[in-house]
Amino acid sequence: MNDSLRTWAEIDIDALKHNYRLAKKLSKNRPVMPVIKGDAHGHGAVRVGRLFQEEGAAAFAVACISEAVTLRKNGITVPILILGWTAPLEAGILAENDITQSVFSLGYGKELSKMAQELNVNLKVHVKIDSGMTRTGIYAQKDASVAAGEVMEIAGLPCMDVTGIFTHYAVADMPEKEDFTRWQFENFCAVLDSLKKRGFDMSHVTVHASNSAVIMYHPESHFDMVRLGVMMYGLYPANVYEEGGPLIPSMTLKSRVAQVKDIDEGAKISYGCTFTAEHPMTIAVVAAGYADSYPRALSGKGAYAVINGERCPQVGRICMDMCMFDVTGKDVHEGDEVILYGKGGMSHEDVAQLSGSINCEHTSLLTERVKKVYITSEED
């Protein structure tokens, strides 16, 4: 490792491959659509995209058109689905880059179709069904036939090729809400059944509903293809770490000890003076903070870092660029490597629970100043 690095994120290629292959196994070898929005949850969308294109990914999902175009410019040739909204004025860019757009409503579909006609281009689209998430999608929580009718109308619009139909589950990661997930499944299936009764040709349409939680816990909803999100990064959908579980975390955030100092009893540490030394202590100031995706919300919550194999409690408020740890009685020196979370340190799920968040938020918030270092045990 380059000793000049201040704070860096190690991305384990072998872990990514392991988690991807596990998803293939659990879904009985169905096509996989890795979700690499948000710079692949902070792991680097281009690098992750290239990796899984080589692994045989059927498609990729992103949040917006800029993410999709970046992938196209960097060698990604398989289908790309935009899960979020794209301005109809961008229809030309969608067509030029062979990017598939999600359609959430008949009105939006008409706007896209109109622009495609003006530009004389054809668009590929996946129609989103709102089976219970109550976010984007054609509302299908009451009357499946009405929703199916809208899908039929969208499919009949000029310059529009419906190549997929999908939905998204709200609580598939919560076993205690199994009834709601079952209800969403039934709502979605009712739309599909209504479409078939109306004579809709499903032979060239990919049906998908599985996020990571569904891949792991709800095989009845795997349909034609599965969408692999947080599971791919070794993060548990239920936000609870499973010791010895099947997933391998792919990101480890590391930093360096910037200074080691002895402090007196009564000394106060960091902003707000929230921590007071009850006895003489030795603290390590580490060169990472919340601008490096080490959440400020961890302050004083029982978080720890691992330095030279030993757990060191976090003390005082976490700053934008620095944080402090109690290293009293430990053999710690300036320049020593620090594991803030990931392999060998706190789990991502523990970070999330202590900070009141979810396990993929802090990885997704990595700034550019945190260098991504890709590691693998496989020979080139």
Protein backbone atom coordinates (compact mmCIF):
# COMPACT_ATOMS: atom_id res chain seq x y z
CA MET A 1 0.00 0.00 0.00
CA ASN A 2 1.17 3.50 -0.83
CA ASP A 3 2.21 5.06 2.49
CA SER A 4 1.50 8.53 1.11
CA LEU A 5 -2.26 7.95 1.04
CA ARG A 6 -4.15 9.95 3.65
CA THR A 7 -7.54 8.21 3.58
CA TRP A 8 -8.58 5.58 1.07
CA ALA A 9 -11.25 2.99 0.32
CA GLU A 10 -10.10 -0.50 -0.51
CA ILE A 11 -12.49 -2.17 -2.96
CA ASP A 12 -12.23 -5.97 -2.91
CA ILE A 13 -12.78 -7.30 -6.44
CA ASP A 14 -12.98 -10.88 -5.17
CA ALA A 15 -15.76 -9.94 -2.75
CA LEU A 16 -17.74 -8.27 -5.54
CA LYS A 17 -17.44 -11.37 -7.69
CA HIS A 18 -18.41 -13.64 -4.80
CA ASN A 19 -21.56 -11.67 -4.07
CA TYR A 20 -22.52 -11.50 -7.75
CA ARG A 21 -22.10 -15.24 -8.17
CA LEU A 22 -24.14 -15.86 -5.03
CA ALA A 23 -26.98 -13.83 -6.55
CA LYS A 24 -26.76 -15.94 -9.71
CA LYS A 25 -26.98 -19.08 -7.61
CA LEU A 26 -29.89 -17.90 -5.46
CA SER A 27 -31.84 -16.78 -8.52
CA LYS A 28 -31.24 -20.13 -10.24
CA ASN A 29 -28.96 -18.57 -12.85
CA ARG A 30 -31.39 -15.91 -14.00
CA PRO A 31 -30.03 -12.88 -15.82
CA VAL A 32 -28.66 -10.27 -13.40
CA MET A 33 -28.99 -6.50 -13.65
CA PRO A 34 -26.43 -4.93 -11.29
CA VAL A 35 -27.62 -1.59 -9.92
CA ILE A 36 -24.63 0.75 -10.14
CA LYS A 37 -26.26 4.10 -9.49
CA GLY A 38 -24.58 6.56 -7.14
CA ASP A 39 -21.15 5.61 -8.56
CA ALA A 40 -21.94 1.98 -7.74
CA HIS A 41 -22.79 2.92 -4.15
CA GLY A 42 -19.39 4.59 -3.92
CA HIS A 43 -17.43 1.66 -5.37
CA GLY A 44 -16.77 3.23 -8.79
CA ALA A 45 -19.42 2.66 -11.46
CA VAL A 46 -17.08 2.42 -14.43
CA ARG A 47 -14.74 -0.08 -12.80
CA VAL A 48 -17.62 -2.12 -11.34
CA GLY A 49 -19.51 -1.95 -14.64
CA ARG A 50 -16.54 -3.27 -16.60
CA LEU A 51 -16.02 -6.01 -14.04
CA PHE A 52 -19.58 -7.30 -14.23
CA GLN A 53 -19.85 -6.89 -17.98
CA GLU A 54 -16.99 -9.38 -18.10
CA GLU A 55 -18.87 -11.55 -15.59
CA GLY A 56 -21.84 -11.69 -17.95
CA ALA A 57 -24.25 -9.12 -16.52
CA ALA A 58 -27.40 -8.94 -18.63
CA ALA A 59 -27.90 -5.20 -18.09
CA PHE A 60 -27.17 -2.37 -15.68
CA ALA A 61 -29.48 -0.01 -13.81
CA VAL A 62 -28.64 3.61 -13.00
CA ALA A 63 -30.53 6.57 -11.58
CA CYS A 64 -30.12 9.22 -14.26
CA ILE A 65 -29.02 9.89 -17.81
CA SER A 66 -25.62 11.30 -16.88
CA GLU A 67 -24.71 8.03 -15.14
CA ALA A 68 -25.83 6.05 -18.19
CA VAL A 69 -23.89 8.17 -20.69
CA THR A 70 -20.74 7.92 -18.56
CA LEU A 71 -20.98 4.13 -18.71
CA ARG A 72 -21.45 4.18 -22.47
CA LYS A 73 -18.41 6.45 -22.89
CA ASN A 74 -16.34 3.99 -20.87
CA GLY A 75 -16.99 0.77 -22.73
CA ILE A 76 -20.25 -0.52 -21.29
CA THR A 77 -22.21 -2.04 -24.20
CA VAL A 78 -24.92 -4.12 -22.51
CA PRO A 79 -28.41 -2.61 -21.97
CA ILE A 80 -28.65 0.22 -19.42
CA LEU A 81 -31.93 1.06 -17.68
CA ILE A 82 -32.51 4.48 -16.14
CA LEU A 83 -34.62 3.93 -13.03
CA GLY A 84 -35.32 7.63 -12.47
CA TRP A 85 -36.82 10.50 -14.43
CA THR A 86 -35.30 11.84 -17.64
CA ALA A 87 -36.50 15.00 -19.32
CA PRO A 88 -38.31 14.17 -22.59
CA LEU A 89 -36.01 16.72 -24.27
CA GLU A 90 -33.22 14.17 -23.74
CA ALA A 91 -34.92 11.59 -26.01
CA GLY A 92 -32.23 12.06 -28.64
CA ILE A 93 -29.48 11.23 -26.16
CA LEU A 94 -31.40 8.15 -25.00
CA ALA A 95 -31.69 6.91 -28.59
CA GLU A 96 -28.15 7.83 -29.62
CA ASN A 97 -26.68 5.91 -26.69
CA ASP A 98 -29.17 3.01 -26.81
CA ILE A 99 -30.30 3.71 -23.24
CA THR A 100 -33.58 2.30 -21.91
CA GLN A 101 -35.85 4.69 -20.01
CA SER A 102 -38.33 3.86 -17.26
CA VAL A 103 -41.86 5.09 -17.94
CA PHE A 104 -43.95 5.83 -14.86
CA SER A 105 -47.21 7.05 -16.36
CA LEU A 106 -49.17 7.32 -19.57
CA GLY A 107 -48.70 11.08 -19.59
CA TYR A 108 -44.92 10.79 -19.32
CA GLY A 109 -44.94 8.12 -22.01
CA LYS A 110 -46.83 10.43 -24.35
CA GLU A 111 -44.30 13.21 -23.79
CA LEU A 112 -41.40 10.87 -24.58
CA SER A 113 -43.21 9.54 -27.64
CA LYS A 114 -43.93 13.02 -28.95
CA MET A 115 -40.31 14.07 -28.66
CA ALA A 116 -39.11 10.80 -30.21
CA GLN A 117 -41.40 11.41 -33.19
CA GLU A 118 -40.08 14.94 -33.63
CA LEU A 119 -36.53 13.60 -33.61
CA ASN A 120 -37.42 10.56 -35.72
CA VAL A 121 -35.90 8.13 -33.22
CA ASN A 122 -37.16 5.02 -31.46
CA LEU A 123 -36.95 4.56 -27.70
CA LYS A 124 -36.69 1.44 -25.59
CA VAL A 125 -38.64 1.65 -22.34
CA HIS A 126 -39.47 -0.41 -19.25
CA VAL A 127 -42.86 0.37 -17.73
CA LYS A 128 -42.84 0.81 -13.95
CA ILE A 129 -45.78 -0.53 -11.93
CA ASP A 130 -46.55 0.92 -8.49
CA SER A 131 -47.63 -2.23 -6.69
CA GLY A 132 -47.36 -0.72 -3.21
CA MET A 133 -44.20 1.38 -2.90
CA THR A 134 -46.25 4.52 -3.68
CA ARG A 135 -43.35 6.18 -5.39
CA THR A 136 -42.98 6.27 -9.19
CA GLY A 137 -45.04 3.96 -11.35
CA ILE A 138 -48.52 3.29 -12.73
CA TYR A 139 -50.80 2.96 -9.72
CA ALA A 140 -51.81 -0.69 -9.32
CA GLN A 141 -52.85 -0.92 -5.68
CA LYS A 142 -56.57 -1.14 -6.37
CA ASP A 143 -57.55 -2.03 -9.94
CA ALA A 144 -55.07 -4.10 -11.96
CA SER A 145 -57.14 -3.78 -15.13
CA VAL A 146 -56.84 0.01 -15.12
CA ALA A 147 -53.06 -0.24 -14.73
CA ALA A 148 -52.88 -2.85 -17.48
CA GLY A 149 -54.87 -0.56 -19.73
CA GLU A 150 -52.30 2.20 -19.29
CA VAL A 151 -49.48 -0.22 -20.10
CA MET A 152 -51.32 -1.20 -23.29
CA GLU A 153 -51.68 2.45 -24.26
CA ILE A 154 -47.98 3.12 -23.63
CA ALA A 155 -47.06 0.11 -25.75
CA GLY A 156 -49.17 1.52 -28.56
CA LEU A 157 -47.47 4.90 -28.64
CA PRO A 158 -45.39 5.73 -31.73
CA CYS A 159 -41.61 5.34 -31.51
CA MET A 160 -41.87 3.45 -28.19
CA ASP A 161 -40.70 -0.15 -27.74
CA VAL A 162 -41.73 -1.67 -24.39
CA THR A 163 -38.97 -4.15 -23.58
CA GLY A 164 -39.63 -4.54 -19.85
CA ILE A 165 -42.19 -4.29 -17.06
CA PHE A 166 -41.11 -3.99 -13.44
CA THR A 167 -41.98 -3.06 -9.90
CA HIS A 168 -40.16 -2.40 -6.65
CA TYR A 169 -40.95 -3.78 -3.19
CA ALA A 170 -41.04 -1.55 -0.12
CA VAL A 171 -40.43 -3.96 2.78
CA ALA A 172 -38.95 -7.13 1.28
CA ASP A 173 -36.12 -6.84 3.80
CA MET A 174 -38.53 -6.95 6.77
CA PRO A 175 -39.79 -10.47 7.63
CA GLU A 176 -42.33 -9.01 10.06
CA LYS A 177 -44.05 -7.34 7.10
CA GLU A 178 -44.23 -10.41 4.92
CA ASP A 179 -47.96 -9.87 4.34
CA PHE A 180 -47.32 -6.51 2.67
CA THR A 181 -44.67 -7.99 0.37
CA ARG A 182 -47.07 -10.78 -0.57
CA TRP A 183 -49.75 -8.14 -1.30
CA GLN A 184 -47.36 -6.26 -3.59
CA PHE A 185 -46.46 -9.50 -5.36
CA GLU A 186 -50.15 -10.25 -5.93
CA ASN A 187 -50.81 -6.72 -7.21
CA PHE A 188 -47.97 -6.99 -9.70
CA CYS A 189 -49.03 -10.46 -10.85
CA ALA A 190 -52.60 -9.21 -11.31
CA VAL A 191 -51.35 -6.56 -13.76
CA LEU A 192 -49.34 -9.16 -15.67
CA ASP A 193 -52.36 -11.50 -15.80
CA SER A 194 -54.60 -8.68 -17.03
CA LEU A 195 -52.10 -7.85 -19.76
CA LYS A 196 -52.03 -11.46 -20.93
CA LYS A 197 -55.84 -11.59 -21.03
CA ARG A 198 -55.82 -8.47 -23.19
CA GLY A 199 -53.49 -10.19 -25.65
CA PHE A 200 -50.35 -8.24 -24.75
CA ASP A 201 -47.31 -9.94 -26.30
CA MET A 202 -44.98 -10.77 -23.40
CA SER A 203 -42.52 -12.76 -25.51
CA HIS A 204 -40.08 -9.85 -25.90
CA VAL A 205 -40.68 -8.25 -22.51
CA THR A 206 -38.42 -8.76 -19.47
CA VAL A 207 -40.34 -8.86 -16.18
CA HIS A 208 -38.38 -7.97 -13.06
CA ALA A 209 -39.15 -7.17 -9.42
CA SER A 210 -36.24 -8.49 -7.38
CA ASN A 211 -34.04 -6.14 -5.42
CA SER A 212 -31.35 -7.63 -3.16
CA ALA A 213 -33.80 -8.50 -0.40
CA VAL A 214 -36.03 -10.32 -2.86
CA ILE A 215 -33.08 -12.21 -4.32
CA MET A 216 -32.18 -13.46 -0.84
CA TYR A 217 -35.57 -13.98 0.76
CA HIS A 218 -38.38 -14.15 -1.85
CA PRO A 219 -37.64 -16.56 -4.71
CA GLU A 220 -41.26 -16.44 -5.88
CA SER A 221 -40.58 -12.91 -7.17
CA HIS A 222 -37.48 -13.58 -9.24
CA PHE A 223 -39.44 -13.53 -12.53
CA ASP A 224 -37.25 -13.12 -15.67
CA MET A 225 -34.35 -11.12 -14.24
CA VAL A 226 -33.09 -9.92 -10.85
CA ARG A 227 -31.77 -6.47 -9.88
CA LEU A 228 -28.66 -6.77 -7.75
CA GLY A 229 -28.09 -3.77 -5.47
CA VAL A 230 -26.63 -3.61 -1.97
CA MET A 231 -26.12 -7.37 -1.84
CA MET A 232 -23.50 -7.02 -4.56
CA TYR A 233 -21.42 -4.86 -2.25
CA GLY A 234 -21.65 -7.33 0.63
CA LEU A 235 -24.24 -5.25 2.47
CA TYR A 236 -27.17 -7.02 4.10
CA PRO A 237 -30.58 -5.79 2.89
CA ALA A 238 -32.02 -6.01 6.41
CA ASN A 239 -29.25 -3.67 7.66
CA VAL A 240 -28.12 -6.25 10.24
CA TYR A 241 -24.69 -7.85 9.94
CA GLU A 242 -24.68 -11.64 9.87
CA GLU A 243 -21.52 -13.02 11.46
CA GLY A 244 -20.34 -15.80 9.16
CA GLY A 245 -23.12 -14.93 6.70
CA PRO A 246 -23.00 -15.51 2.95
CA LEU A 247 -22.00 -12.00 1.87
CA ILE A 248 -18.51 -10.52 1.83
CA PRO A 249 -18.21 -6.72 2.29
CA SER A 250 -16.35 -5.19 -0.63
CA MET A 251 -15.35 -1.80 0.81
CA THR A 252 -13.00 -1.00 3.68
CA LEU A 253 -12.34 2.60 4.65
CA LYS A 254 -8.82 3.22 5.92
CA SER A 255 -6.82 6.23 7.09
CA ARG A 256 -3.63 7.20 8.95
CA VAL A 257 -2.78 8.38 12.42
CA ALA A 258 -1.84 12.03 12.03
CA GLN A 259 -0.78 12.64 15.63
CA VAL A 260 -0.53 10.83 18.96
CA LYS A 261 -0.77 12.99 22.07
CA ASP A 262 -1.01 12.58 25.82
CA ILE A 263 -3.73 14.64 27.50
CA ASP A 264 -4.48 15.46 31.13
CA GLU A 265 -7.48 14.57 33.23
CA GLY A 266 -10.20 17.12 32.53
CA ALA A 267 -9.08 17.88 28.97
CA LYS A 268 -11.98 18.27 26.56
CA ILE A 269 -11.89 16.81 23.08
CA SER A 270 -13.15 18.37 19.83
CA TYR A 271 -16.04 20.69 18.97
CA GLY A 272 -18.68 21.25 21.60
CA CYS A 273 -16.43 19.84 24.35
CA THR A 274 -18.71 16.80 24.47
CA PHE A 275 -15.99 14.48 25.81
CA THR A 276 -14.01 15.11 28.98
CA ALA A 277 -11.06 12.93 29.95
CA GLU A 278 -11.75 11.36 33.35
CA HIS A 279 -8.08 10.42 33.70
CA PRO A 280 -4.82 11.01 31.81
CA MET A 281 -5.23 9.56 28.31
CA THR A 282 -3.46 9.08 25.02
CA ILE A 283 -5.44 9.93 21.93
CA ALA A 284 -4.77 9.37 18.25
CA VAL A 285 -5.91 12.03 15.80
CA VAL A 286 -6.83 10.30 12.54
CA ALA A 287 -6.79 12.00 9.14
CA ALA A 288 -10.41 11.29 8.18
CA GLY A 289 -13.76 12.87 8.91
CA TYR A 290 -17.30 13.18 7.70
CA ALA A 291 -16.12 14.63 4.36
CA ASP A 292 -14.44 11.25 3.88
CA SER A 293 -17.67 9.36 4.62
CA TYR A 294 -16.90 8.71 8.27
CA PRO A 295 -20.29 9.88 9.61
CA ARG A 296 -20.39 12.68 12.15
CA ALA A 297 -23.45 10.94 13.61
CA LEU A 298 -21.11 8.25 14.99
CA SER A 299 -19.71 10.75 17.50
CA GLY A 300 -19.92 9.43 21.04
CA LYS A 301 -22.05 6.45 20.03
CA GLY A 302 -19.60 3.65 20.81
CA ALA A 303 -17.87 3.49 17.44
CA TYR A 304 -14.30 2.29 17.22
CA ALA A 305 -11.38 2.00 14.82
CA VAL A 306 -8.89 -0.83 14.58
CA ILE A 307 -5.25 0.22 14.81
CA ASN A 308 -2.51 -2.41 14.80
CA GLY A 309 -5.11 -5.09 15.48
CA GLU A 310 -6.65 -3.36 18.54
CA ARG A 311 -10.04 -1.72 18.94
CA CYS A 312 -9.74 1.93 19.84
CA PRO A 313 -12.89 3.79 20.99
CA GLN A 314 -13.92 6.94 19.13
CA VAL A 315 -13.98 10.04 21.37
CA GLY A 316 -15.27 13.57 20.91
CA ARG A 317 -17.08 14.92 17.90
CA ILE A 318 -16.04 13.73 14.47
CA CYS A 319 -14.86 16.69 12.38
CA MET A 320 -14.96 17.25 8.64
CA ASP A 321 -11.37 16.08 8.13
CA MET A 322 -10.30 14.47 11.42
CA CYS A 323 -11.50 12.23 14.22
CA MET A 324 -10.05 11.09 17.53
CA PHE A 325 -9.65 7.72 19.21
CA ASP A 326 -8.62 6.58 22.69
CA VAL A 327 -5.33 4.69 22.34
CA THR A 328 -4.34 4.78 26.02
CA GLY A 329 -1.92 1.95 26.79
CA LYS A 330 -1.72 0.86 23.14
CA ASP A 331 1.29 0.79 20.83
CA VAL A 332 0.19 3.41 18.29
CA HIS A 333 2.39 5.75 16.29
CA GLU A 334 1.98 8.55 13.77
CA GLY A 335 1.52 7.14 10.28
CA ASP A 336 -0.02 3.87 11.46
CA GLU A 337 -2.84 2.45 9.31
CA VAL A 338 -6.35 2.81 10.71
CA ILE A 339 -9.36 0.67 9.76
CA LEU A 340 -12.44 2.83 10.19
CA TYR A 341 -14.96 0.27 8.89
CA GLY A 342 -15.15 -2.77 6.64
CA LYS A 343 -12.97 -5.88 6.64
CA GLY A 344 -11.13 -6.14 9.94
CA GLY A 345 -13.10 -3.30 11.52
CA MET A 346 -16.66 -2.20 12.27
CA SER A 347 -19.25 -3.70 9.93
CA HIS A 348 -21.13 -1.39 7.60
CA GLU A 349 -24.31 -2.44 9.38
CA ASP A 350 -22.91 -1.40 12.76
CA VAL A 351 -21.89 1.97 11.32
CA ALA A 352 -25.40 2.40 9.96
CA GLN A 353 -27.18 1.47 13.16
CA LEU A 354 -24.98 3.66 15.36
CA SER A 355 -25.41 6.62 13.02
CA GLY A 356 -29.14 6.08 12.54
CA SER A 357 -28.89 5.30 8.83
CA ILE A 358 -28.62 2.36 6.41
CA ASN A 359 -25.55 0.43 5.39
CA CYS A 360 -25.22 1.84 1.88
CA GLU A 361 -25.52 5.55 2.71
CA HIS A 362 -22.00 6.12 4.01
CA THR A 363 -20.42 4.16 1.13
CA SER A 364 -22.44 6.18 -1.38
CA LEU A 365 -21.22 9.47 0.10
CA LEU A 366 -17.51 9.00 -0.54
CA THR A 367 -15.90 12.18 -1.80
CA GLU A 368 -13.40 12.33 -4.65
CA ARG A 369 -10.55 12.97 -2.24
CA VAL A 370 -10.92 9.40 -0.96
CA LYS A 371 -8.91 7.35 -3.42
CA LYS A 372 -10.39 4.00 -4.43
CA VAL A 373 -7.80 1.23 -4.34
CA TYR A 374 -8.90 -1.99 -6.05
CA ILE A 375 -7.46 -5.17 -4.60
CA THR A 376 -7.67 -8.80 -5.65
CA SER A 377 -5.96 -12.07 -4.83
CA GLU A 378 -6.44 -13.31 -8.38
CA GLU A 379 -3.50 -13.18 -10.74
CA ASP A 380 -3.76 -10.85 -13.72
